[in-house]
Amino acid sequence: MSTTTKALRSQVTVILALAALLAGGACVPSVVWAEPNPEMMKGPHPAHDGHMHDFAGDSLHKLLRHQKDLGLSEEQSAKIKAIATDYAKARIREEADLKLAEVDVETLVHDEKADLSAIEAAMKKSEIAHTALRLGGVKALRTAAAVLTPKQREKWHASMMERHSESAPSGEYGDGPKAGSHELPKREGS
């Protein structure tokens, strides 16, 4: 297999793993994407203890914590620190936008004279803010992955999958693959 094919396969694997982790995170109650006020959030954005989990920020910080294990150069570390800082600032702005949009929704919902089209518009604005918040995390993770070499991406992916499988409960039926595992059970005779 050529070096280019290996590198491309590695990049695709990392991107698919990140997408799977992010998509799986939307289904796992402990992994959510924003931090709205729990009093305001009785709708579609679940809160856990009043705080929402920041998967992308945690992943970037773990990447930096394990920079020696991954063999990051000083230049790579500096780029990833800048990505993490830019993401943290953007997340603060996006969380504020989401919280403000939710205040508007709640205000309109409790106003008996409010027009349904105004409530709908406010809800759409909230959903757009929520999407922007989540998408910011995806973009930051992809930007960070692009800084890594194919071998570093493979190590990072393996460490994320290991940590994810350690924290996930066993499969629904007991002995099966762990929740969030994307491996199919092996068939007998294979």
N, C-alpha and C. Protein backbone atom coordinates (compact mmCIF):
# COMPACT_ATOMS: atom_id res chain seq x y z
N MET A 1 0.86 -1.17 0.00
CA MET A 1 0.00 0.00 0.00
C MET A 1 0.90 1.23 0.00
N SER A 2 0.59 2.19 -0.85
CA SER A 2 1.43 3.37 -0.97
C SER A 2 1.29 4.25 0.27
N THR A 3 2.29 5.12 0.45
CA THR A 3 2.30 6.04 1.58
C THR A 3 1.10 6.98 1.50
N THR A 4 0.77 7.44 0.29
CA THR A 4 -0.37 8.34 0.11
C THR A 4 -1.67 7.66 0.50
N THR A 5 -1.83 6.40 0.09
CA THR A 5 -3.04 5.65 0.43
C THR A 5 -3.15 5.47 1.93
N LYS A 6 -2.01 5.14 2.59
CA LYS A 6 -2.01 4.97 4.04
C LYS A 6 -2.40 6.27 4.74
N ALA A 7 -1.82 7.38 4.27
CA ALA A 7 -2.11 8.68 4.88
C ALA A 7 -3.58 9.04 4.70
N LEU A 8 -4.11 8.80 3.50
CA LEU A 8 -5.51 9.10 3.24
C LEU A 8 -6.42 8.23 4.10
N ARG A 9 -6.08 6.95 4.20
CA ARG A 9 -6.88 6.04 5.03
C ARG A 9 -6.86 6.50 6.49
N SER A 10 -5.69 6.94 6.96
CA SER A 10 -5.56 7.42 8.33
C SER A 10 -6.42 8.65 8.56
N GLN A 11 -6.40 9.59 7.61
CA GLN A 11 -7.21 10.81 7.75
C GLN A 11 -8.69 10.47 7.77
N VAL A 12 -9.11 9.59 6.88
CA VAL A 12 -10.52 9.21 6.83
C VAL A 12 -10.92 8.53 8.13
N THR A 13 -10.05 7.67 8.66
CA THR A 13 -10.34 6.98 9.91
C THR A 13 -10.54 7.97 11.05
N VAL A 14 -9.66 8.95 11.15
CA VAL A 14 -9.76 9.95 12.22
C VAL A 14 -11.04 10.76 12.08
N ILE A 15 -11.34 11.20 10.87
CA ILE A 15 -12.53 12.00 10.65
C ILE A 15 -13.79 11.19 10.97
N LEU A 16 -13.83 9.94 10.53
CA LEU A 16 -14.98 9.10 10.85
C LEU A 16 -15.10 8.85 12.35
N ALA A 17 -13.96 8.64 13.01
CA ALA A 17 -13.99 8.42 14.45
C ALA A 17 -14.49 9.66 15.18
N LEU A 18 -14.00 10.83 14.76
CA LEU A 18 -14.47 12.08 15.39
C LEU A 18 -15.96 12.26 15.15
N ALA A 19 -16.40 12.00 13.92
CA ALA A 19 -17.83 12.13 13.62
C ALA A 19 -18.65 11.16 14.46
N ALA A 20 -18.14 9.92 14.59
CA ALA A 20 -18.86 8.93 15.39
C ALA A 20 -18.92 9.34 16.85
N LEU A 21 -17.81 9.85 17.37
CA LEU A 21 -17.80 10.28 18.76
C LEU A 21 -18.74 11.46 18.98
N LEU A 22 -18.72 12.40 18.03
CA LEU A 22 -19.61 13.56 18.17
C LEU A 22 -21.06 13.15 18.00
N ALA A 23 -21.34 12.29 17.02
CA ALA A 23 -22.72 11.83 16.82
C ALA A 23 -23.18 10.99 18.01
N GLY A 24 -22.31 10.12 18.48
CA GLY A 24 -22.64 9.31 19.65
C GLY A 24 -22.83 10.16 20.87
N GLY A 25 -22.08 11.24 20.96
CA GLY A 25 -22.18 12.14 22.10
C GLY A 25 -23.55 12.80 22.19
N ALA A 26 -24.21 12.97 21.05
CA ALA A 26 -25.54 13.56 21.06
C ALA A 26 -26.56 12.61 21.67
N CYS A 27 -26.22 11.30 21.70
CA CYS A 27 -27.15 10.29 22.22
C CYS A 27 -26.86 9.90 23.66
N VAL A 28 -25.67 10.22 24.14
CA VAL A 28 -25.29 9.84 25.49
C VAL A 28 -25.62 11.00 26.42
N PRO A 29 -26.44 10.77 27.44
CA PRO A 29 -26.87 11.88 28.29
C PRO A 29 -25.74 12.68 28.92
N SER A 30 -24.60 12.07 29.17
CA SER A 30 -23.52 12.81 29.81
C SER A 30 -22.74 13.68 28.84
N VAL A 31 -22.99 13.58 27.54
CA VAL A 31 -22.27 14.37 26.56
C VAL A 31 -23.25 15.22 25.78
N VAL A 32 -23.21 16.51 26.03
CA VAL A 32 -24.05 17.45 25.32
C VAL A 32 -23.22 18.66 24.98
N TRP A 33 -23.78 19.65 24.27
CA TRP A 33 -22.94 20.61 23.59
C TRP A 33 -23.04 22.06 23.99
N ALA A 34 -23.84 22.45 24.90
CA ALA A 34 -23.93 23.85 25.27
C ALA A 34 -24.13 23.97 26.76
N GLU A 35 -24.24 25.19 27.27
CA GLU A 35 -24.39 25.36 28.70
C GLU A 35 -25.50 26.35 29.01
N PRO A 36 -26.73 26.08 28.57
CA PRO A 36 -27.80 27.00 28.90
C PRO A 36 -28.26 26.89 30.35
N ASN A 37 -29.02 27.86 30.78
CA ASN A 37 -29.58 27.89 32.12
C ASN A 37 -30.57 26.74 32.28
N PRO A 38 -30.39 25.87 33.28
CA PRO A 38 -31.29 24.74 33.43
C PRO A 38 -32.74 25.15 33.70
N GLU A 39 -32.94 26.31 34.28
CA GLU A 39 -34.30 26.79 34.52
C GLU A 39 -34.99 27.08 33.20
N MET A 40 -34.21 27.55 32.24
CA MET A 40 -34.76 27.92 30.94
C MET A 40 -34.87 26.71 30.03
N MET A 41 -34.07 25.68 30.28
CA MET A 41 -33.95 24.58 29.35
C MET A 41 -34.81 23.40 29.75
N LYS A 42 -36.05 23.47 29.44
CA LYS A 42 -36.92 22.34 29.68
C LYS A 42 -37.27 21.72 28.34
N GLY A 43 -36.66 22.23 27.28
CA GLY A 43 -36.95 21.79 25.92
C GLY A 43 -35.90 20.84 25.37
N PRO A 44 -35.50 21.04 24.12
CA PRO A 44 -34.70 20.06 23.41
C PRO A 44 -33.21 20.01 23.76
N HIS A 45 -32.69 20.94 24.53
CA HIS A 45 -31.26 20.94 24.86
C HIS A 45 -31.08 20.44 26.28
N PRO A 46 -30.76 19.13 26.44
CA PRO A 46 -30.69 18.58 27.80
C PRO A 46 -29.53 19.15 28.60
N ALA A 47 -29.79 19.36 29.87
CA ALA A 47 -28.75 19.84 30.79
C ALA A 47 -28.45 18.73 31.78
N HIS A 48 -27.22 18.65 32.23
CA HIS A 48 -26.82 17.66 33.23
C HIS A 48 -26.23 18.44 34.39
N ASP A 49 -26.87 18.43 35.51
CA ASP A 49 -26.44 19.20 36.67
C ASP A 49 -26.30 20.68 36.34
N GLY A 50 -27.09 21.18 35.40
CA GLY A 50 -27.06 22.59 35.06
C GLY A 50 -25.92 22.98 34.14
N HIS A 51 -25.04 22.05 33.80
CA HIS A 51 -23.91 22.36 32.92
C HIS A 51 -23.89 21.39 31.76
N MET A 52 -23.50 21.91 30.62
CA MET A 52 -23.41 21.08 29.44
C MET A 52 -21.94 20.73 29.20
N HIS A 53 -21.71 19.56 28.71
CA HIS A 53 -20.35 19.08 28.50
C HIS A 53 -19.77 19.64 27.21
N ASP A 54 -18.52 19.99 27.24
CA ASP A 54 -17.81 20.52 26.07
C ASP A 54 -16.85 19.46 25.56
N PHE A 55 -17.34 18.56 24.73
CA PHE A 55 -16.53 17.46 24.22
C PHE A 55 -15.32 17.97 23.44
N ALA A 56 -15.52 18.94 22.55
CA ALA A 56 -14.42 19.43 21.72
C ALA A 56 -13.34 20.09 22.57
N GLY A 57 -13.75 20.93 23.51
CA GLY A 57 -12.77 21.58 24.38
C GLY A 57 -11.99 20.57 25.20
N ASP A 58 -12.71 19.59 25.75
CA ASP A 58 -12.03 18.54 26.52
C ASP A 58 -11.05 17.76 25.66
N SER A 59 -11.46 17.45 24.42
CA SER A 59 -10.59 16.70 23.52
C SER A 59 -9.33 17.49 23.18
N LEU A 60 -9.48 18.79 22.95
CA LEU A 60 -8.32 19.62 22.65
C LEU A 60 -7.37 19.70 23.84
N HIS A 61 -7.93 19.82 25.04
CA HIS A 61 -7.09 19.88 26.24
C HIS A 61 -6.39 18.55 26.49
N LYS A 62 -7.08 17.44 26.23
CA LYS A 62 -6.45 16.12 26.39
C LYS A 62 -5.34 15.94 25.36
N LEU A 63 -5.56 16.45 24.17
CA LEU A 63 -4.53 16.39 23.13
C LEU A 63 -3.28 17.12 23.59
N LEU A 64 -3.46 18.29 24.18
CA LEU A 64 -2.31 19.05 24.67
C LEU A 64 -1.66 18.39 25.89
N ARG A 65 -2.48 17.78 26.76
CA ARG A 65 -1.93 17.08 27.92
C ARG A 65 -1.07 15.89 27.52
N HIS A 66 -1.40 15.27 26.39
CA HIS A 66 -0.69 14.08 25.94
C HIS A 66 0.24 14.39 24.77
N GLN A 67 0.67 15.65 24.67
CA GLN A 67 1.50 16.03 23.54
C GLN A 67 2.82 15.27 23.49
N LYS A 68 3.39 14.95 24.62
CA LYS A 68 4.65 14.19 24.62
C LYS A 68 4.42 12.77 24.14
N ASP A 69 3.33 12.14 24.62
CA ASP A 69 3.01 10.78 24.19
C ASP A 69 2.77 10.71 22.69
N LEU A 70 2.18 11.77 22.14
CA LEU A 70 1.88 11.81 20.71
C LEU A 70 3.08 12.28 19.88
N GLY A 71 4.09 12.81 20.54
CA GLY A 71 5.27 13.29 19.83
C GLY A 71 5.05 14.58 19.07
N LEU A 72 4.26 15.50 19.67
CA LEU A 72 4.01 16.78 19.01
C LEU A 72 5.25 17.66 19.06
N SER A 73 5.51 18.35 17.96
CA SER A 73 6.61 19.32 17.94
C SER A 73 6.15 20.58 18.66
N GLU A 74 7.08 21.49 18.94
CA GLU A 74 6.72 22.76 19.58
C GLU A 74 5.77 23.55 18.69
N GLU A 75 6.03 23.50 17.38
CA GLU A 75 5.18 24.22 16.43
C GLU A 75 3.75 23.65 16.44
N GLN A 76 3.63 22.33 16.45
CA GLN A 76 2.30 21.71 16.50
C GLN A 76 1.59 22.08 17.80
N SER A 77 2.30 22.01 18.91
CA SER A 77 1.70 22.36 20.20
C SER A 77 1.21 23.80 20.20
N ALA A 78 2.01 24.70 19.66
CA ALA A 78 1.62 26.11 19.60
C ALA A 78 0.37 26.30 18.74
N LYS A 79 0.31 25.61 17.61
CA LYS A 79 -0.87 25.73 16.74
C LYS A 79 -2.12 25.19 17.44
N ILE A 80 -1.98 24.07 18.12
CA ILE A 80 -3.14 23.47 18.79
C ILE A 80 -3.57 24.33 19.98
N LYS A 81 -2.61 24.94 20.69
CA LYS A 81 -2.97 25.87 21.77
C LYS A 81 -3.76 27.04 21.22
N ALA A 82 -3.35 27.56 20.06
CA ALA A 82 -4.06 28.68 19.43
C ALA A 82 -5.47 28.25 19.02
N ILE A 83 -5.59 27.04 18.48
CA ILE A 83 -6.91 26.51 18.09
C ILE A 83 -7.80 26.40 19.32
N ALA A 84 -7.25 25.86 20.41
CA ALA A 84 -8.02 25.68 21.65
C ALA A 84 -8.46 27.03 22.22
N THR A 85 -7.57 28.02 22.18
CA THR A 85 -7.90 29.36 22.68
C THR A 85 -8.98 30.01 21.83
N ASP A 86 -8.82 29.95 20.50
CA ASP A 86 -9.83 30.53 19.60
C ASP A 86 -11.18 29.84 19.79
N TYR A 87 -11.14 28.52 19.95
CA TYR A 87 -12.38 27.77 20.15
C TYR A 87 -13.04 28.18 21.47
N ALA A 88 -12.26 28.31 22.54
CA ALA A 88 -12.82 28.68 23.85
C ALA A 88 -13.50 30.05 23.78
N LYS A 89 -12.87 31.01 23.09
CA LYS A 89 -13.47 32.34 22.95
C LYS A 89 -14.76 32.28 22.12
N ALA A 90 -14.71 31.54 21.02
CA ALA A 90 -15.89 31.42 20.16
C ALA A 90 -17.02 30.73 20.92
N ARG A 91 -16.68 29.71 21.71
CA ARG A 91 -17.69 28.98 22.47
C ARG A 91 -18.39 29.90 23.47
N ILE A 92 -17.64 30.76 24.13
CA ILE A 92 -18.24 31.71 25.08
C ILE A 92 -19.26 32.59 24.37
N ARG A 93 -18.88 33.11 23.19
CA ARG A 93 -19.80 33.96 22.43
C ARG A 93 -21.04 33.17 22.00
N GLU A 94 -20.81 31.94 21.50
CA GLU A 94 -21.92 31.12 21.00
C GLU A 94 -22.85 30.67 22.13
N GLU A 95 -22.28 30.37 23.30
CA GLU A 95 -23.12 30.03 24.46
C GLU A 95 -23.97 31.22 24.86
N ALA A 96 -23.38 32.41 24.84
CA ALA A 96 -24.14 33.62 25.18
C ALA A 96 -25.28 33.84 24.19
N ASP A 97 -24.99 33.64 22.89
CA ASP A 97 -26.03 33.78 21.88
C ASP A 97 -27.16 32.79 22.13
N LEU A 98 -26.81 31.55 22.48
CA LEU A 98 -27.82 30.53 22.75
C LEU A 98 -28.66 30.91 23.98
N LYS A 99 -27.99 31.34 25.03
CA LYS A 99 -28.72 31.72 26.25
C LYS A 99 -29.66 32.89 25.98
N LEU A 100 -29.19 33.88 25.23
CA LEU A 100 -30.04 35.03 24.90
C LEU A 100 -31.24 34.60 24.05
N ALA A 101 -30.99 33.71 23.10
CA ALA A 101 -32.08 33.22 22.25
C ALA A 101 -33.11 32.46 23.09
N GLU A 102 -32.64 31.70 24.07
CA GLU A 102 -33.56 30.95 24.93
C GLU A 102 -34.36 31.87 25.84
N VAL A 103 -33.76 32.97 26.27
CA VAL A 103 -34.51 33.96 27.07
C VAL A 103 -35.65 34.52 26.22
N ASP A 104 -35.36 34.81 24.95
CA ASP A 104 -36.40 35.32 24.05
C ASP A 104 -37.52 34.29 23.87
N VAL A 105 -37.15 33.03 23.70
CA VAL A 105 -38.15 31.97 23.53
C VAL A 105 -39.04 31.90 24.78
N GLU A 106 -38.42 31.82 25.94
CA GLU A 106 -39.18 31.70 27.19
C GLU A 106 -40.09 32.91 27.41
N THR A 107 -39.58 34.08 27.10
CA THR A 107 -40.39 35.29 27.27
C THR A 107 -41.62 35.24 26.37
N LEU A 108 -41.43 34.86 25.12
CA LEU A 108 -42.54 34.81 24.17
C LEU A 108 -43.53 33.68 24.53
N VAL A 109 -43.00 32.54 24.94
CA VAL A 109 -43.87 31.41 25.29
C VAL A 109 -44.80 31.78 26.44
N HIS A 110 -44.30 32.54 27.39
CA HIS A 110 -45.10 32.91 28.55
C HIS A 110 -45.97 34.15 28.33
N ASP A 111 -45.82 34.77 27.18
CA ASP A 111 -46.64 35.93 26.84
C ASP A 111 -47.84 35.44 26.03
N GLU A 112 -49.02 35.47 26.65
CA GLU A 112 -50.23 34.96 26.01
C GLU A 112 -50.60 35.75 24.75
N LYS A 113 -50.13 36.96 24.65
CA LYS A 113 -50.44 37.80 23.48
C LYS A 113 -49.43 37.61 22.35
N ALA A 114 -48.37 36.87 22.59
CA ALA A 114 -47.34 36.69 21.57
C ALA A 114 -47.87 35.87 20.40
N ASP A 115 -47.52 36.31 19.23
CA ASP A 115 -47.92 35.65 18.00
C ASP A 115 -47.13 34.35 17.83
N LEU A 116 -47.78 33.29 17.36
CA LEU A 116 -47.09 32.01 17.16
C LEU A 116 -45.92 32.13 16.18
N SER A 117 -46.05 32.98 15.19
CA SER A 117 -44.95 33.14 14.23
C SER A 117 -43.72 33.76 14.91
N ALA A 118 -43.95 34.64 15.89
CA ALA A 118 -42.83 35.23 16.64
C ALA A 118 -42.16 34.17 17.51
N ILE A 119 -42.98 33.30 18.12
CA ILE A 119 -42.43 32.21 18.94
C ILE A 119 -41.62 31.26 18.06
N GLU A 120 -42.18 30.94 16.89
CA GLU A 120 -41.48 30.05 15.96
C GLU A 120 -40.14 30.65 15.52
N ALA A 121 -40.14 31.92 15.21
CA ALA A 121 -38.91 32.60 14.79
C ALA A 121 -37.87 32.58 15.92
N ALA A 122 -38.32 32.80 17.14
CA ALA A 122 -37.41 32.78 18.28
C ALA A 122 -36.84 31.38 18.48
N MET A 123 -37.66 30.36 18.32
CA MET A 123 -37.19 28.98 18.47
C MET A 123 -36.18 28.63 17.38
N LYS A 124 -36.45 29.08 16.16
CA LYS A 124 -35.51 28.83 15.06
C LYS A 124 -34.17 29.52 15.33
N LYS A 125 -34.24 30.73 15.88
CA LYS A 125 -33.01 31.45 16.22
C LYS A 125 -32.22 30.67 17.28
N SER A 126 -32.92 30.10 18.25
CA SER A 126 -32.27 29.30 19.28
C SER A 126 -31.61 28.06 18.68
N GLU A 127 -32.33 27.39 17.78
CA GLU A 127 -31.77 26.19 17.14
C GLU A 127 -30.55 26.53 16.30
N ILE A 128 -30.59 27.67 15.63
CA ILE A 128 -29.44 28.11 14.83
C ILE A 128 -28.24 28.36 15.75
N ALA A 129 -28.48 28.98 16.89
CA ALA A 129 -27.40 29.23 17.85
C ALA A 129 -26.85 27.92 18.40
N HIS A 130 -27.72 26.96 18.66
CA HIS A 130 -27.29 25.65 19.16
C HIS A 130 -26.45 24.93 18.11
N THR A 131 -26.87 24.99 16.85
CA THR A 131 -26.12 24.37 15.76
C THR A 131 -24.76 25.03 15.61
N ALA A 132 -24.71 26.34 15.69
CA ALA A 132 -23.43 27.06 15.57
C ALA A 132 -22.47 26.64 16.68
N LEU A 133 -23.00 26.46 17.88
CA LEU A 133 -22.19 26.03 19.02
C LEU A 133 -21.59 24.65 18.76
N ARG A 134 -22.41 23.71 18.33
CA ARG A 134 -21.94 22.35 18.07
C ARG A 134 -20.97 22.32 16.89
N LEU A 135 -21.29 23.06 15.83
CA LEU A 135 -20.45 23.07 14.64
C LEU A 135 -19.08 23.68 14.93
N GLY A 136 -19.03 24.65 15.82
CA GLY A 136 -17.75 25.23 16.22
C GLY A 136 -16.82 24.18 16.80
N GLY A 137 -17.37 23.26 17.58
CA GLY A 137 -16.57 22.18 18.14
C GLY A 137 -16.05 21.24 17.07
N VAL A 138 -16.89 20.91 16.11
CA VAL A 138 -16.48 20.03 15.02
C VAL A 138 -15.35 20.68 14.22
N LYS A 139 -15.51 21.95 13.91
CA LYS A 139 -14.49 22.67 13.14
C LYS A 139 -13.15 22.72 13.90
N ALA A 140 -13.21 22.98 15.19
CA ALA A 140 -11.98 23.04 16.00
C ALA A 140 -11.27 21.69 16.02
N LEU A 141 -12.03 20.61 16.18
CA LEU A 141 -11.41 19.28 16.19
C LEU A 141 -10.80 18.93 14.85
N ARG A 142 -11.48 19.29 13.77
CA ARG A 142 -10.93 19.01 12.43
C ARG A 142 -9.68 19.84 12.17
N THR A 143 -9.70 21.08 12.61
CA THR A 143 -8.53 21.94 12.43
C THR A 143 -7.35 21.38 13.21
N ALA A 144 -7.59 20.92 14.43
CA ALA A 144 -6.52 20.33 15.24
C ALA A 144 -6.02 19.04 14.61
N ALA A 145 -6.91 18.22 14.11
CA ALA A 145 -6.50 16.96 13.47
C ALA A 145 -5.62 17.22 12.25
N ALA A 146 -5.88 18.31 11.55
CA ALA A 146 -5.09 18.65 10.36
C ALA A 146 -3.66 19.04 10.71
N VAL A 147 -3.43 19.46 11.95
CA VAL A 147 -2.08 19.84 12.40
C VAL A 147 -1.22 18.59 12.64
N LEU A 148 -1.87 17.48 12.93
CA LEU A 148 -1.16 16.25 13.28
C LEU A 148 -0.70 15.47 12.05
N THR A 149 0.33 14.69 12.24
CA THR A 149 0.76 13.77 11.19
C THR A 149 -0.20 12.58 11.18
N PRO A 150 -0.22 11.80 10.11
CA PRO A 150 -1.09 10.62 10.10
C PRO A 150 -0.84 9.68 11.28
N LYS A 151 0.41 9.48 11.66
CA LYS A 151 0.71 8.60 12.79
C LYS A 151 0.20 9.19 14.10
N GLN A 152 0.34 10.50 14.27
CA GLN A 152 -0.16 11.16 15.48
C GLN A 152 -1.68 11.10 15.54
N ARG A 153 -2.33 11.28 14.38
CA ARG A 153 -3.80 11.17 14.35
C ARG A 153 -4.24 9.77 14.76
N GLU A 154 -3.53 8.76 14.28
CA GLU A 154 -3.86 7.38 14.66
C GLU A 154 -3.73 7.18 16.16
N LYS A 155 -2.65 7.69 16.75
CA LYS A 155 -2.45 7.57 18.21
C LYS A 155 -3.54 8.31 18.96
N TRP A 156 -3.85 9.53 18.52
CA TRP A 156 -4.88 10.34 19.16
C TRP A 156 -6.22 9.63 19.07
N HIS A 157 -6.53 9.12 17.89
CA HIS A 157 -7.79 8.39 17.70
C HIS A 157 -7.84 7.19 18.63
N ALA A 158 -6.77 6.42 18.69
CA ALA A 158 -6.74 5.23 19.54
C ALA A 158 -6.93 5.60 21.01
N SER A 159 -6.29 6.68 21.45
CA SER A 159 -6.43 7.07 22.86
C SER A 159 -7.84 7.57 23.15
N MET A 160 -8.46 8.28 22.19
CA MET A 160 -9.83 8.74 22.39
C MET A 160 -10.79 7.55 22.44
N MET A 161 -10.60 6.61 21.55
CA MET A 161 -11.48 5.43 21.53
C MET A 161 -11.31 4.61 22.80
N GLU A 162 -10.07 4.51 23.29
CA GLU A 162 -9.81 3.78 24.54
C GLU A 162 -10.52 4.44 25.71
N ARG A 163 -10.36 5.77 25.81
CA ARG A 163 -11.02 6.50 26.90
C ARG A 163 -12.53 6.42 26.78
N HIS A 164 -13.02 6.50 25.55
CA HIS A 164 -14.47 6.45 25.32
C HIS A 164 -15.03 5.07 25.70
N SER A 165 -14.32 4.02 25.33
CA SER A 165 -14.82 2.68 25.64
C SER A 165 -14.71 2.37 27.13
N GLU A 166 -13.72 2.96 27.82
CA GLU A 166 -13.59 2.76 29.27
C GLU A 166 -14.73 3.42 30.02
N SER A 167 -15.22 4.55 29.50
CA SER A 167 -16.26 5.28 30.22
C SER A 167 -17.66 4.85 29.81
N ALA A 168 -17.78 4.09 28.70
CA ALA A 168 -19.11 3.68 28.23
C ALA A 168 -19.54 2.40 28.93
N PRO A 169 -20.84 2.27 29.23
CA PRO A 169 -21.33 1.04 29.83
C PRO A 169 -21.30 -0.10 28.82
N SER A 170 -21.37 -1.34 29.30
CA SER A 170 -21.36 -2.46 28.37
C SER A 170 -22.62 -2.43 27.53
N GLY A 171 -22.62 -3.21 26.48
CA GLY A 171 -23.72 -3.22 25.52
C GLY A 171 -25.06 -3.48 26.17
N GLU A 172 -26.11 -3.20 25.42
CA GLU A 172 -27.46 -3.31 25.93
C GLU A 172 -27.77 -4.71 26.46
N TYR A 173 -27.20 -5.71 25.85
CA TYR A 173 -27.54 -7.07 26.21
C TYR A 173 -26.44 -7.74 27.02
N GLY A 174 -25.62 -6.95 27.67
CA GLY A 174 -24.64 -7.53 28.59
C GLY A 174 -23.27 -7.70 27.98
N ASP A 175 -23.02 -8.81 27.30
CA ASP A 175 -21.66 -9.14 26.86
C ASP A 175 -21.29 -8.56 25.52
N GLY A 176 -22.15 -7.85 24.87
CA GLY A 176 -21.88 -7.32 23.54
C GLY A 176 -20.85 -6.22 23.57
N PRO A 177 -20.64 -5.57 22.41
CA PRO A 177 -19.69 -4.47 22.37
C PRO A 177 -20.13 -3.33 23.27
N LYS A 178 -19.19 -2.53 23.70
CA LYS A 178 -19.51 -1.39 24.57
C LYS A 178 -20.36 -0.40 23.80
N ALA A 179 -21.20 0.33 24.52
CA ALA A 179 -22.00 1.38 23.90
C ALA A 179 -21.05 2.37 23.26
N GLY A 180 -21.37 2.78 22.07
CA GLY A 180 -20.50 3.73 21.36
C GLY A 180 -19.46 3.02 20.53
N SER A 181 -19.30 1.71 20.70
CA SER A 181 -18.35 0.97 19.89
C SER A 181 -18.94 0.82 18.51
N HIS A 182 -18.12 0.98 17.51
CA HIS A 182 -18.61 0.90 16.15
C HIS A 182 -18.10 -0.36 15.47
N GLU A 183 -17.70 -1.33 16.26
CA GLU A 183 -17.29 -2.61 15.71
C GLU A 183 -18.48 -3.55 15.76
N LEU A 184 -18.60 -4.31 14.70
CA LEU A 184 -19.66 -5.31 14.66
C LEU A 184 -19.19 -6.55 15.39
N PRO A 185 -20.10 -7.26 16.05
CA PRO A 185 -19.69 -8.51 16.71
C PRO A 185 -19.19 -9.49 15.64
N LYS A 186 -18.18 -10.27 15.99
CA LYS A 186 -17.65 -11.25 15.04
C LYS A 186 -18.61 -12.41 14.95
N ARG A 187 -18.79 -12.88 13.72
CA ARG A 187 -19.65 -14.06 13.49
C ARG A 187 -18.87 -15.32 13.77
N GLU A 188 -19.60 -16.34 14.15
CA GLU A 188 -18.94 -17.62 14.38
C GLU A 188 -18.39 -18.09 13.06
N GLY A 189 -17.17 -18.63 13.10
CA GLY A 189 -16.55 -19.16 11.89
C GLY A 189 -15.84 -18.10 11.08
N SER A 190 -15.81 -16.81 11.53
CA SER A 190 -15.10 -15.79 10.76
C SER A 190 -13.75 -15.52 11.35
